[in-house]
């Protein structure tokens, strides 16, 4: 009986989650600030890495306008729900995190970037600390030679869940905004000190644009 319930949850939760996201998008008016940052890269034929905080991931399917993207998602059970929900938007997933399957995930990411895929990561996932960038995204950027583009989202009417990431859920018929930060490049021959500086730069950018977009609706 337990196995049956788990299988039902694996079907129903991603399905209902994707329906919720689509419903919210249909009822919302969404603006984009500095989207030219990714449009320029696309126009130049360059792929990129989208980075966003775990707590802002709900509406992120609508920040991407490219043709091929792989999302790095943890092996945790919640990650399976997210992976299956994103599949309903036509997005592919690579499973792994800093705590489990990181090496194999990195190899798969590099393979996909060679095939022309963009990448999406939550650099504070899968379990925090909240809004603290881990080193994984910096290593992906260094080894792939792709820039990191920070992205954040907020809405005029929203609720924050009591989860570790204080997940933000926009309310129906609210107004939302995506903000894109400047692309951040990491040199292949960057020293450990330089890699740490880039990690801090990505973290600072994500926190800055998150505060900026939240400030639009205060």
N, C-alpha and C. Protein backbone atom coordinates (compact mmCIF):
# COMPACT_ATOMS: atom_id res chain seq x y z
N UNK A 1 0.83 -1.21 0.00
CA UNK A 1 0.00 0.00 0.00
C UNK A 1 0.86 1.27 0.00
N UNK A 2 1.95 1.21 0.79
CA UNK A 2 2.85 2.36 0.87
C UNK A 2 3.48 2.66 -0.48
N UNK A 3 3.88 1.60 -1.19
CA UNK A 3 4.49 1.78 -2.51
C UNK A 3 3.51 2.39 -3.50
N UNK A 4 2.25 1.97 -3.39
CA UNK A 4 1.22 2.52 -4.28
C UNK A 4 1.03 4.00 -4.03
N UNK A 5 0.99 4.38 -2.74
CA UNK A 5 0.83 5.79 -2.38
C UNK A 5 2.00 6.63 -2.87
N UNK A 6 3.22 6.09 -2.75
CA UNK A 6 4.40 6.81 -3.21
C UNK A 6 4.36 7.02 -4.72
N UNK A 7 3.92 5.99 -5.46
CA UNK A 7 3.81 6.10 -6.90
C UNK A 7 2.76 7.13 -7.30
N UNK A 8 1.65 7.15 -6.56
CA UNK A 8 0.61 8.14 -6.83
C UNK A 8 1.11 9.56 -6.57
N UNK A 9 1.88 9.72 -5.49
CA UNK A 9 2.44 11.03 -5.16
C UNK A 9 3.40 11.49 -6.26
N UNK A 10 4.19 10.55 -6.80
CA UNK A 10 5.14 10.90 -7.85
C UNK A 10 4.44 11.33 -9.14
N UNK A 11 3.20 10.89 -9.30
CA UNK A 11 2.43 11.30 -10.48
C UNK A 11 1.66 12.58 -10.20
N UNK A 12 0.97 12.62 -9.04
CA UNK A 12 0.04 13.72 -8.76
C UNK A 12 0.74 15.02 -8.39
N UNK A 13 1.78 14.95 -7.54
CA UNK A 13 2.41 16.19 -7.07
C UNK A 13 3.04 16.98 -8.21
N UNK A 14 3.85 16.36 -9.09
CA UNK A 14 4.38 17.13 -10.23
C UNK A 14 3.28 17.65 -11.16
N UNK A 15 2.25 16.83 -11.39
CA UNK A 15 1.15 17.24 -12.26
C UNK A 15 0.43 18.46 -11.68
N UNK A 16 0.07 18.38 -10.39
CA UNK A 16 -0.63 19.50 -9.76
C UNK A 16 0.28 20.72 -9.64
N UNK A 17 1.56 20.48 -9.36
CA UNK A 17 2.50 21.59 -9.26
C UNK A 17 2.63 22.34 -10.58
N UNK A 18 2.73 21.60 -11.68
CA UNK A 18 2.83 22.25 -12.99
C UNK A 18 1.54 23.00 -13.33
N UNK A 19 0.39 22.43 -12.94
CA UNK A 19 -0.89 23.13 -13.16
C UNK A 19 -0.94 24.43 -12.38
N UNK A 20 -0.46 24.41 -11.15
CA UNK A 20 -0.45 25.61 -10.32
C UNK A 20 0.42 26.69 -10.97
N UNK A 21 1.61 26.31 -11.42
CA UNK A 21 2.51 27.29 -12.04
C UNK A 21 1.88 27.89 -13.28
N UNK A 22 1.27 27.05 -14.12
CA UNK A 22 0.62 27.55 -15.34
C UNK A 22 -0.56 28.45 -15.00
N UNK A 23 -1.33 28.08 -13.99
CA UNK A 23 -2.47 28.91 -13.57
C UNK A 23 -2.00 30.28 -13.08
N UNK A 24 -0.96 30.27 -12.24
CA UNK A 24 -0.44 31.55 -11.75
C UNK A 24 0.03 32.43 -12.91
N UNK A 25 0.73 31.82 -13.87
CA UNK A 25 1.23 32.61 -15.01
C UNK A 25 0.08 33.19 -15.82
N UNK A 26 -0.99 32.42 -16.01
CA UNK A 26 -2.13 32.89 -16.79
C UNK A 26 -2.82 34.08 -16.13
N UNK A 27 -2.78 34.12 -14.81
CA UNK A 27 -3.49 35.20 -14.10
C UNK A 27 -2.62 36.41 -13.81
N UNK A 28 -1.31 36.29 -14.07
CA UNK A 28 -0.38 37.35 -13.68
C UNK A 28 0.07 38.19 -14.87
N UNK A 29 0.38 39.44 -14.59
CA UNK A 29 1.08 40.28 -15.55
C UNK A 29 2.53 40.30 -15.13
N UNK A 30 3.43 39.89 -16.03
CA UNK A 30 4.84 39.75 -15.68
C UNK A 30 5.70 40.68 -16.51
N UNK A 31 6.58 41.40 -15.83
CA UNK A 31 7.55 42.29 -16.48
C UNK A 31 8.94 41.68 -16.38
N UNK A 32 9.82 42.15 -17.26
CA UNK A 32 11.20 41.66 -17.29
C UNK A 32 12.16 42.85 -17.29
N UNK A 33 13.11 42.83 -16.37
CA UNK A 33 14.11 43.89 -16.27
C UNK A 33 15.47 43.32 -16.63
N UNK A 34 16.15 43.97 -17.57
CA UNK A 34 17.49 43.59 -18.03
C UNK A 34 17.50 42.21 -18.70
N UNK A 35 16.39 41.82 -19.34
CA UNK A 35 16.37 40.55 -20.07
C UNK A 35 17.33 40.59 -21.26
N UNK A 36 17.70 41.78 -21.67
CA UNK A 36 18.65 41.91 -22.79
C UNK A 36 19.97 41.21 -22.50
N UNK A 37 20.26 40.96 -21.20
CA UNK A 37 21.50 40.29 -20.84
C UNK A 37 21.55 38.88 -21.43
N UNK A 38 20.44 38.16 -21.37
CA UNK A 38 20.42 36.81 -21.94
C UNK A 38 20.11 36.86 -23.44
N UNK A 39 19.34 37.84 -23.86
CA UNK A 39 19.04 37.97 -25.30
C UNK A 39 20.30 38.24 -26.10
N UNK A 40 21.20 39.04 -25.53
CA UNK A 40 22.47 39.34 -26.18
C UNK A 40 23.32 38.08 -26.33
N UNK A 41 23.38 37.28 -25.28
CA UNK A 41 24.16 36.04 -25.33
C UNK A 41 23.58 35.09 -26.37
N UNK A 42 22.25 34.99 -26.40
CA UNK A 42 21.60 34.12 -27.37
C UNK A 42 21.86 34.60 -28.79
N UNK A 43 21.78 35.92 -28.99
CA UNK A 43 22.02 36.50 -30.32
C UNK A 43 23.44 36.23 -30.78
N UNK A 44 24.38 36.18 -29.84
CA UNK A 44 25.79 35.93 -30.17
C UNK A 44 26.09 34.44 -30.28
N UNK A 45 25.06 33.60 -30.08
CA UNK A 45 25.25 32.16 -30.18
C UNK A 45 25.96 31.55 -28.98
N UNK A 46 25.88 32.24 -27.83
CA UNK A 46 26.55 31.77 -26.62
C UNK A 46 25.53 31.18 -25.65
N UNK A 47 25.91 30.06 -25.05
CA UNK A 47 25.08 29.47 -24.00
C UNK A 47 25.44 30.10 -22.66
N UNK A 48 24.64 29.84 -21.65
CA UNK A 48 24.85 30.47 -20.35
C UNK A 48 24.26 29.62 -19.24
N UNK A 49 24.59 30.00 -18.02
CA UNK A 49 24.12 29.32 -16.81
C UNK A 49 23.18 30.28 -16.07
N UNK A 50 21.94 29.91 -15.90
CA UNK A 50 21.00 30.69 -15.11
C UNK A 50 21.15 30.26 -13.65
N UNK A 51 21.32 31.22 -12.75
CA UNK A 51 21.43 30.92 -11.32
C UNK A 51 20.35 31.70 -10.57
N UNK A 52 19.61 31.01 -9.72
CA UNK A 52 18.55 31.67 -8.94
C UNK A 52 18.43 30.98 -7.58
N UNK A 53 17.97 31.72 -6.60
CA UNK A 53 17.82 31.15 -5.26
C UNK A 53 16.74 30.09 -5.25
N UNK A 54 16.94 29.08 -4.44
CA UNK A 54 15.99 27.97 -4.34
C UNK A 54 14.59 28.47 -3.96
N UNK A 55 14.53 29.48 -3.13
CA UNK A 55 13.25 30.01 -2.68
C UNK A 55 12.48 30.78 -3.73
N UNK A 56 13.08 31.02 -4.89
CA UNK A 56 12.41 31.75 -5.96
C UNK A 56 12.18 30.88 -7.20
N UNK A 57 12.27 29.56 -7.05
CA UNK A 57 12.25 28.69 -8.23
C UNK A 57 10.87 28.48 -8.84
N UNK A 58 9.78 28.76 -8.09
CA UNK A 58 8.45 28.36 -8.55
C UNK A 58 8.12 28.87 -9.94
N UNK A 59 8.38 30.14 -10.22
CA UNK A 59 8.00 30.72 -11.51
C UNK A 59 9.13 30.74 -12.52
N UNK A 60 10.27 30.14 -12.18
CA UNK A 60 11.44 30.22 -13.06
C UNK A 60 11.27 29.59 -14.44
N UNK A 61 10.32 28.66 -14.65
CA UNK A 61 10.13 28.20 -16.04
C UNK A 61 9.85 29.35 -17.01
N UNK A 62 9.36 30.49 -16.49
CA UNK A 62 9.00 31.60 -17.36
C UNK A 62 10.08 32.67 -17.45
N UNK A 63 11.27 32.37 -16.91
CA UNK A 63 12.39 33.31 -17.09
C UNK A 63 13.23 32.92 -18.29
N UNK A 64 12.98 31.72 -18.83
CA UNK A 64 13.84 31.18 -19.89
C UNK A 64 13.13 31.21 -21.24
N UNK A 65 13.84 31.74 -22.26
CA UNK A 65 13.27 31.87 -23.60
C UNK A 65 14.15 31.20 -24.66
N UNK A 66 15.11 30.40 -24.21
CA UNK A 66 15.96 29.69 -25.14
C UNK A 66 15.29 28.42 -25.65
N UNK A 67 16.09 27.58 -26.32
CA UNK A 67 15.53 26.38 -26.95
C UNK A 67 15.92 25.09 -26.25
N UNK A 68 16.96 25.12 -25.40
CA UNK A 68 17.42 23.88 -24.77
C UNK A 68 18.10 24.19 -23.45
N UNK A 69 17.57 23.60 -22.37
CA UNK A 69 18.15 23.86 -21.06
C UNK A 69 18.09 22.60 -20.21
N UNK A 70 19.12 22.38 -19.42
CA UNK A 70 19.17 21.30 -18.44
C UNK A 70 19.24 21.92 -17.05
N UNK A 71 18.41 21.43 -16.15
CA UNK A 71 18.34 21.97 -14.79
C UNK A 71 19.02 20.99 -13.84
N UNK A 72 19.96 21.49 -13.03
CA UNK A 72 20.61 20.66 -12.03
C UNK A 72 19.67 20.53 -10.83
N UNK A 73 19.26 19.30 -10.54
CA UNK A 73 18.29 19.03 -9.47
C UNK A 73 18.82 17.90 -8.60
N UNK A 74 18.65 18.01 -7.30
CA UNK A 74 19.20 17.05 -6.35
C UNK A 74 18.51 15.69 -6.47
N UNK A 75 19.15 14.67 -5.86
CA UNK A 75 18.58 13.33 -5.81
C UNK A 75 17.54 13.19 -4.71
N UNK A 76 17.35 14.22 -3.91
CA UNK A 76 16.37 14.18 -2.83
C UNK A 76 14.97 13.94 -3.40
N UNK A 77 14.06 13.40 -2.57
CA UNK A 77 12.69 13.13 -3.03
C UNK A 77 12.02 14.37 -3.58
N UNK A 78 12.21 15.51 -2.92
CA UNK A 78 11.64 16.76 -3.44
C UNK A 78 12.19 17.07 -4.82
N UNK A 79 13.47 16.71 -5.04
CA UNK A 79 14.08 16.92 -6.33
C UNK A 79 13.40 16.11 -7.42
N UNK A 80 12.93 14.91 -7.07
CA UNK A 80 12.21 14.09 -8.05
C UNK A 80 10.90 14.74 -8.44
N UNK A 81 10.20 15.34 -7.47
CA UNK A 81 8.96 16.05 -7.79
C UNK A 81 9.25 17.23 -8.73
N UNK A 82 10.30 17.98 -8.40
CA UNK A 82 10.65 19.14 -9.22
C UNK A 82 11.04 18.71 -10.63
N UNK A 83 11.85 17.65 -10.71
CA UNK A 83 12.30 17.16 -12.01
C UNK A 83 11.12 16.77 -12.89
N UNK A 84 10.17 16.05 -12.31
CA UNK A 84 9.00 15.61 -13.08
C UNK A 84 8.11 16.78 -13.47
N UNK A 85 8.01 17.78 -12.57
CA UNK A 85 7.21 18.96 -12.91
C UNK A 85 7.86 19.74 -14.04
N UNK A 86 9.19 19.91 -14.00
CA UNK A 86 9.88 20.65 -15.05
C UNK A 86 9.82 19.95 -16.40
N UNK A 87 9.74 18.63 -16.35
CA UNK A 87 9.59 17.86 -17.59
C UNK A 87 8.32 18.26 -18.34
N UNK A 88 7.30 18.66 -17.60
CA UNK A 88 6.04 19.06 -18.21
C UNK A 88 6.15 20.42 -18.92
N UNK A 89 7.24 21.13 -18.65
CA UNK A 89 7.51 22.39 -19.35
C UNK A 89 8.52 22.18 -20.48
N UNK A 90 8.91 20.95 -20.70
CA UNK A 90 9.87 20.64 -21.76
C UNK A 90 11.32 20.80 -21.35
N UNK A 91 11.59 20.91 -20.03
CA UNK A 91 12.95 21.08 -19.55
C UNK A 91 13.52 19.74 -19.11
N UNK A 92 14.81 19.54 -19.40
CA UNK A 92 15.49 18.32 -18.99
C UNK A 92 16.19 18.53 -17.64
N UNK A 93 16.42 17.45 -16.93
CA UNK A 93 17.06 17.53 -15.61
C UNK A 93 18.34 16.71 -15.58
N UNK A 94 19.30 17.21 -14.81
CA UNK A 94 20.50 16.47 -14.47
C UNK A 94 20.48 16.32 -12.96
N UNK A 95 20.57 15.09 -12.47
CA UNK A 95 20.42 14.85 -11.04
C UNK A 95 21.77 14.83 -10.34
N UNK A 96 21.85 15.58 -9.25
CA UNK A 96 23.07 15.63 -8.47
C UNK A 96 23.14 16.90 -7.67
N UNK A 97 24.02 16.92 -6.67
CA UNK A 97 24.19 18.11 -5.83
C UNK A 97 25.57 18.06 -5.21
N UNK A 98 25.88 19.07 -4.40
CA UNK A 98 27.19 19.11 -3.75
C UNK A 98 27.37 17.97 -2.76
N UNK A 99 26.25 17.42 -2.25
CA UNK A 99 26.34 16.37 -1.24
C UNK A 99 26.16 14.97 -1.80
N UNK A 100 25.65 14.86 -3.03
CA UNK A 100 25.38 13.54 -3.59
C UNK A 100 25.38 13.59 -5.11
N UNK A 101 26.23 12.78 -5.72
CA UNK A 101 26.25 12.67 -7.17
C UNK A 101 26.82 13.88 -7.88
N UNK A 102 27.63 14.67 -7.18
CA UNK A 102 28.14 15.90 -7.76
C UNK A 102 29.08 15.70 -8.93
N UNK A 103 29.97 14.71 -8.83
CA UNK A 103 30.97 14.48 -9.89
C UNK A 103 30.29 14.01 -11.16
N UNK A 104 29.41 13.03 -11.04
CA UNK A 104 28.72 12.51 -12.23
C UNK A 104 27.82 13.57 -12.84
N UNK A 105 27.20 14.39 -11.98
CA UNK A 105 26.35 15.47 -12.50
C UNK A 105 27.18 16.49 -13.26
N UNK A 106 28.37 16.81 -12.74
CA UNK A 106 29.25 17.77 -13.42
C UNK A 106 29.66 17.25 -14.79
N UNK A 107 29.99 15.97 -14.86
CA UNK A 107 30.36 15.38 -16.16
C UNK A 107 29.20 15.48 -17.15
N UNK A 108 27.98 15.21 -16.66
CA UNK A 108 26.81 15.29 -17.54
C UNK A 108 26.54 16.72 -17.98
N UNK A 109 26.73 17.66 -17.06
CA UNK A 109 26.54 19.08 -17.40
C UNK A 109 27.49 19.50 -18.51
N UNK A 110 28.76 19.13 -18.35
CA UNK A 110 29.76 19.51 -19.36
C UNK A 110 29.46 18.87 -20.70
N UNK A 111 28.95 17.64 -20.67
CA UNK A 111 28.55 16.99 -21.91
C UNK A 111 27.41 17.74 -22.58
N UNK A 112 26.43 18.15 -21.79
CA UNK A 112 25.28 18.86 -22.36
C UNK A 112 25.66 20.25 -22.87
N UNK A 113 26.58 20.92 -22.19
CA UNK A 113 27.00 22.24 -22.68
C UNK A 113 27.73 22.11 -24.01
N UNK A 114 28.46 21.02 -24.18
CA UNK A 114 29.14 20.78 -25.46
C UNK A 114 28.13 20.54 -26.59
N UNK A 115 26.94 20.08 -26.21
CA UNK A 115 25.88 19.84 -27.18
C UNK A 115 24.99 21.06 -27.39
N UNK A 116 25.38 22.19 -26.76
CA UNK A 116 24.66 23.43 -26.99
C UNK A 116 23.55 23.74 -26.02
N UNK A 117 23.57 23.12 -24.85
CA UNK A 117 22.52 23.35 -23.86
C UNK A 117 22.88 24.46 -22.89
N UNK A 118 21.87 25.23 -22.50
CA UNK A 118 22.01 26.14 -21.37
C UNK A 118 21.83 25.32 -20.09
N UNK A 119 22.20 25.90 -18.97
CA UNK A 119 22.13 25.20 -17.68
C UNK A 119 21.42 26.10 -16.66
N UNK A 120 20.65 25.50 -15.77
CA UNK A 120 20.03 26.25 -14.68
C UNK A 120 20.40 25.59 -13.35
N UNK A 121 20.76 26.41 -12.36
CA UNK A 121 21.15 25.87 -11.05
C UNK A 121 20.57 26.74 -9.95
N UNK A 122 20.34 26.11 -8.79
CA UNK A 122 20.02 26.85 -7.56
C UNK A 122 21.24 26.73 -6.66
N UNK A 123 22.10 27.72 -6.63
CA UNK A 123 23.40 27.58 -5.97
C UNK A 123 23.34 27.49 -4.45
N UNK A 124 22.15 27.67 -3.85
CA UNK A 124 22.03 27.45 -2.41
C UNK A 124 21.30 26.14 -2.10
N UNK A 125 20.96 25.37 -3.14
CA UNK A 125 20.25 24.11 -2.94
C UNK A 125 21.21 22.95 -2.75
N UNK A 126 20.68 21.76 -2.38
CA UNK A 126 19.26 21.50 -2.16
C UNK A 126 18.76 21.80 -0.75
N UNK A 127 19.67 22.05 0.20
CA UNK A 127 19.23 22.25 1.58
C UNK A 127 19.89 23.43 2.29
N UNK A 128 20.39 24.38 1.53
CA UNK A 128 20.93 25.57 2.15
C UNK A 128 22.41 25.47 2.47
N UNK A 129 22.93 26.47 3.19
CA UNK A 129 22.22 27.59 3.82
C UNK A 129 21.52 28.50 2.81
N UNK A 130 20.42 29.08 3.22
CA UNK A 130 19.60 29.90 2.34
C UNK A 130 20.39 31.11 1.85
N UNK A 131 20.31 31.33 0.52
CA UNK A 131 20.92 32.48 -0.15
C UNK A 131 22.42 32.59 0.10
N UNK A 132 23.06 31.42 0.15
CA UNK A 132 24.52 31.34 0.22
C UNK A 132 25.00 30.48 -0.95
N UNK A 133 25.79 31.07 -1.84
CA UNK A 133 26.25 30.36 -3.03
C UNK A 133 27.31 29.33 -2.66
N UNK A 134 27.10 28.09 -3.12
CA UNK A 134 28.10 27.05 -2.96
C UNK A 134 29.06 27.10 -4.16
N UNK A 135 30.14 26.38 -4.05
CA UNK A 135 31.20 26.49 -5.06
C UNK A 135 30.86 25.79 -6.38
N UNK A 136 29.83 24.93 -6.37
CA UNK A 136 29.53 24.14 -7.56
C UNK A 136 29.29 24.97 -8.80
N UNK A 137 28.51 26.04 -8.69
CA UNK A 137 28.19 26.86 -9.85
C UNK A 137 29.43 27.53 -10.41
N UNK A 138 30.38 27.88 -9.54
CA UNK A 138 31.62 28.50 -9.99
C UNK A 138 32.46 27.50 -10.77
N UNK A 139 32.51 26.27 -10.30
CA UNK A 139 33.27 25.24 -11.02
C UNK A 139 32.62 24.90 -12.36
N UNK A 140 31.29 24.89 -12.40
CA UNK A 140 30.60 24.65 -13.67
C UNK A 140 30.96 25.74 -14.67
N UNK A 141 30.92 26.99 -14.20
CA UNK A 141 31.25 28.12 -15.07
C UNK A 141 32.70 28.06 -15.54
N UNK A 142 33.61 27.68 -14.65
CA UNK A 142 35.04 27.60 -15.01
C UNK A 142 35.29 26.52 -16.05
N UNK A 143 34.73 25.34 -15.81
CA UNK A 143 35.02 24.21 -16.70
C UNK A 143 34.26 24.28 -18.02
N UNK A 144 33.11 24.93 -18.02
CA UNK A 144 32.31 25.01 -19.25
C UNK A 144 32.60 26.26 -20.06
N UNK A 145 33.25 27.25 -19.44
CA UNK A 145 33.50 28.56 -20.07
C UNK A 145 32.19 29.29 -20.39
N UNK A 146 31.12 28.98 -19.64
CA UNK A 146 29.85 29.68 -19.81
C UNK A 146 29.68 30.73 -18.72
N UNK A 147 29.07 31.86 -19.04
CA UNK A 147 28.84 32.88 -18.03
C UNK A 147 27.66 32.52 -17.13
N UNK A 148 27.69 33.01 -15.91
CA UNK A 148 26.58 32.84 -14.97
C UNK A 148 25.71 34.09 -15.03
N UNK A 149 24.41 33.92 -15.27
CA UNK A 149 23.48 35.04 -15.28
C UNK A 149 22.54 34.89 -14.08
N UNK A 150 22.70 35.71 -13.03
CA UNK A 150 21.80 35.66 -11.88
C UNK A 150 20.40 36.14 -12.27
N UNK A 151 19.38 35.48 -11.73
CA UNK A 151 17.99 35.86 -12.00
C UNK A 151 17.20 35.78 -10.70
N UNK A 152 16.30 36.73 -10.51
CA UNK A 152 15.41 36.66 -9.35
C UNK A 152 14.00 37.08 -9.75
N UNK A 153 13.06 36.79 -8.87
CA UNK A 153 11.64 37.05 -9.17
C UNK A 153 10.91 37.46 -7.90
N UNK A 154 9.94 38.36 -8.06
CA UNK A 154 9.06 38.69 -6.95
C UNK A 154 7.70 39.08 -7.50
N UNK A 155 6.75 39.25 -6.60
CA UNK A 155 5.38 39.57 -7.01
C UNK A 155 4.76 40.56 -6.05
N UNK A 156 3.74 41.25 -6.54
CA UNK A 156 3.08 42.27 -5.73
C UNK A 156 2.31 41.67 -4.57
N UNK A 157 1.78 40.48 -4.77
CA UNK A 157 1.06 39.76 -3.71
C UNK A 157 1.64 38.36 -3.63
N UNK A 158 2.07 37.98 -2.46
CA UNK A 158 2.80 36.71 -2.32
C UNK A 158 2.74 36.20 -0.89
N UNK A 159 3.08 34.92 -0.76
CA UNK A 159 3.22 34.28 0.54
C UNK A 159 4.59 33.63 0.61
N UNK A 160 5.18 33.65 1.80
CA UNK A 160 6.44 32.96 2.03
C UNK A 160 6.18 31.74 2.90
N UNK A 161 6.58 30.57 2.41
CA UNK A 161 6.37 29.34 3.16
C UNK A 161 7.38 29.23 4.29
N UNK A 162 7.07 28.37 5.25
CA UNK A 162 7.96 28.19 6.41
C UNK A 162 8.97 27.08 6.15
N UNK A 163 9.43 26.96 4.92
CA UNK A 163 10.45 25.97 4.55
C UNK A 163 11.83 26.57 4.77
N UNK A 164 12.87 25.73 4.64
CA UNK A 164 14.23 26.21 4.90
C UNK A 164 14.61 27.36 3.98
N UNK A 165 14.05 27.36 2.74
CA UNK A 165 14.39 28.39 1.76
C UNK A 165 13.39 29.54 1.73
N UNK A 166 12.41 29.51 2.67
CA UNK A 166 11.31 30.49 2.67
C UNK A 166 10.74 30.69 1.26
N UNK A 167 10.32 29.58 0.67
CA UNK A 167 9.80 29.58 -0.69
C UNK A 167 8.75 30.67 -0.90
N UNK A 168 8.93 31.48 -1.95
CA UNK A 168 7.98 32.53 -2.28
C UNK A 168 6.95 32.01 -3.27
N UNK A 169 5.68 32.16 -2.92
CA UNK A 169 4.58 31.73 -3.77
C UNK A 169 3.75 32.96 -4.15
N UNK A 170 3.76 33.39 -5.41
CA UNK A 170 2.94 34.53 -5.81
C UNK A 170 1.46 34.16 -5.75
N UNK A 171 0.63 35.12 -5.47
CA UNK A 171 -0.81 34.88 -5.42
C UNK A 171 -1.43 35.18 -6.79
N UNK A 172 -2.53 34.50 -7.11
CA UNK A 172 -3.19 34.74 -8.41
C UNK A 172 -3.56 36.20 -8.60
N UNK A 173 -3.49 36.64 -9.85
CA UNK A 173 -3.88 37.99 -10.27
C UNK A 173 -2.99 39.07 -9.67
N UNK A 174 -1.78 38.69 -9.29
CA UNK A 174 -0.80 39.68 -8.84
C UNK A 174 0.07 40.09 -10.02
N UNK A 175 1.00 40.99 -9.77
CA UNK A 175 1.95 41.41 -10.79
C UNK A 175 3.32 40.89 -10.41
N UNK A 176 4.04 40.37 -11.38
CA UNK A 176 5.35 39.81 -11.09
C UNK A 176 6.44 40.42 -11.95
N UNK A 177 7.67 40.29 -11.49
CA UNK A 177 8.82 40.83 -12.23
C UNK A 177 10.02 39.90 -12.10
N UNK A 178 10.65 39.63 -13.23
CA UNK A 178 11.95 38.96 -13.25
C UNK A 178 13.03 40.03 -13.43
N UNK A 179 14.11 39.90 -12.68
CA UNK A 179 15.27 40.77 -12.85
C UNK A 179 16.49 39.90 -13.15
N UNK A 180 17.22 40.28 -14.19
CA UNK A 180 18.43 39.56 -14.61
C UNK A 180 19.65 40.40 -14.22
N UNK A 181 20.63 39.75 -13.62
CA UNK A 181 21.87 40.43 -13.31
C UNK A 181 22.83 40.39 -14.48
N UNK A 182 23.95 41.08 -14.34
CA UNK A 182 24.98 41.07 -15.38
C UNK A 182 25.66 39.70 -15.43
N UNK A 183 26.02 39.28 -16.63
CA UNK A 183 26.71 38.00 -16.80
C UNK A 183 28.06 38.02 -16.09
N UNK A 184 28.36 36.92 -15.41
CA UNK A 184 29.62 36.79 -14.66
C UNK A 184 30.42 35.64 -15.27
N UNK A 185 31.63 35.96 -15.73
CA UNK A 185 32.48 34.97 -16.38
C UNK A 185 33.56 34.49 -15.41
N UNK A 186 33.92 33.22 -15.51
CA UNK A 186 34.96 32.64 -14.66
C UNK A 186 36.05 32.06 -15.56
N UNK A 187 37.27 32.51 -15.39
CA UNK A 187 38.38 32.05 -16.21
C UNK A 187 38.72 30.59 -15.90
N UNK A 188 39.10 29.85 -16.95
CA UNK A 188 39.48 28.45 -16.78
C UNK A 188 40.69 28.28 -15.87
N UNK A 189 41.60 29.27 -15.89
CA UNK A 189 42.81 29.16 -15.08
C UNK A 189 42.73 30.00 -13.81
N UNK A 190 41.50 30.25 -13.33
CA UNK A 190 41.32 31.05 -12.12
C UNK A 190 41.94 30.34 -10.92
N UNK A 191 42.60 31.11 -10.07
CA UNK A 191 43.20 30.57 -8.86
C UNK A 191 42.11 30.34 -7.81
N UNK A 192 42.41 29.57 -6.75
CA UNK A 192 41.42 29.39 -5.68
C UNK A 192 40.91 30.71 -5.11
N UNK A 193 41.80 31.69 -4.98
CA UNK A 193 41.37 33.00 -4.47
C UNK A 193 40.41 33.67 -5.44
N UNK A 194 40.71 33.59 -6.72
CA UNK A 194 39.83 34.18 -7.73
C UNK A 194 38.48 33.46 -7.81
N UNK A 195 38.50 32.15 -7.62
CA UNK A 195 37.24 31.39 -7.62
C UNK A 195 36.36 31.81 -6.45
N UNK A 196 36.98 32.03 -5.31
CA UNK A 196 36.21 32.50 -4.15
C UNK A 196 35.66 33.90 -4.40
N UNK A 197 36.43 34.73 -5.06
CA UNK A 197 35.94 36.07 -5.40
C UNK A 197 34.73 35.99 -6.33
N UNK A 198 34.77 35.08 -7.29
CA UNK A 198 33.65 34.90 -8.21
C UNK A 198 32.42 34.35 -7.47
N UNK A 199 32.66 33.42 -6.53
CA UNK A 199 31.56 32.90 -5.73
C UNK A 199 30.87 34.03 -4.98
N UNK A 200 31.67 34.90 -4.38
CA UNK A 200 31.12 36.03 -3.65
C UNK A 200 30.41 37.01 -4.59
N UNK A 201 30.94 37.17 -5.79
CA UNK A 201 30.32 38.07 -6.76
C UNK A 201 28.94 37.57 -7.18
N UNK A 202 28.84 36.26 -7.43
CA UNK A 202 27.54 35.68 -7.81
C UNK A 202 26.55 35.83 -6.66
N UNK A 203 27.00 35.55 -5.46
CA UNK A 203 26.13 35.66 -4.28
C UNK A 203 25.66 37.09 -4.08
N UNK A 204 26.59 38.03 -4.19
CA UNK A 204 26.23 39.44 -4.02
C UNK A 204 25.25 39.89 -5.09
N UNK A 205 25.45 39.45 -6.32
CA UNK A 205 24.55 39.83 -7.41
C UNK A 205 23.14 39.27 -7.18
N UNK A 206 23.06 38.00 -6.79
CA UNK A 206 21.76 37.39 -6.53
C UNK A 206 21.03 38.10 -5.38
N UNK A 207 21.76 38.42 -4.33
CA UNK A 207 21.14 39.13 -3.21
C UNK A 207 20.72 40.54 -3.59
N UNK A 208 21.54 41.18 -4.43
CA UNK A 208 21.21 42.56 -4.85
C UNK A 208 19.96 42.60 -5.71
N UNK A 209 19.86 41.70 -6.70
CA UNK A 209 18.70 41.74 -7.58
C UNK A 209 17.44 41.23 -6.86
N UNK A 210 17.62 40.34 -5.87
CA UNK A 210 16.47 39.88 -5.09
C UNK A 210 15.93 41.02 -4.24
N UNK A 211 16.83 41.76 -3.60
CA UNK A 211 16.39 42.92 -2.83
C UNK A 211 15.77 43.97 -3.73
N UNK A 212 16.32 44.11 -4.92
CA UNK A 212 15.80 45.09 -5.88
C UNK A 212 14.39 44.74 -6.33
N UNK A 213 14.18 43.47 -6.68
CA UNK A 213 12.86 43.09 -7.20
C UNK A 213 11.82 43.06 -6.07
N UNK A 214 12.24 42.67 -4.86
CA UNK A 214 11.31 42.74 -3.73
C UNK A 214 10.93 44.18 -3.42
N UNK A 215 11.91 45.08 -3.59
CA UNK A 215 11.67 46.49 -3.32
C UNK A 215 10.65 47.13 -4.25
N UNK A 216 10.42 46.52 -5.40
CA UNK A 216 9.43 47.07 -6.35
C UNK A 216 8.01 46.97 -5.80
N UNK A 217 7.80 46.04 -4.85
CA UNK A 217 6.44 45.76 -4.39
C UNK A 217 6.23 46.00 -2.90
N UNK A 218 7.00 46.92 -2.37
CA UNK A 218 6.83 47.28 -0.94
C UNK A 218 5.97 48.51 -0.81
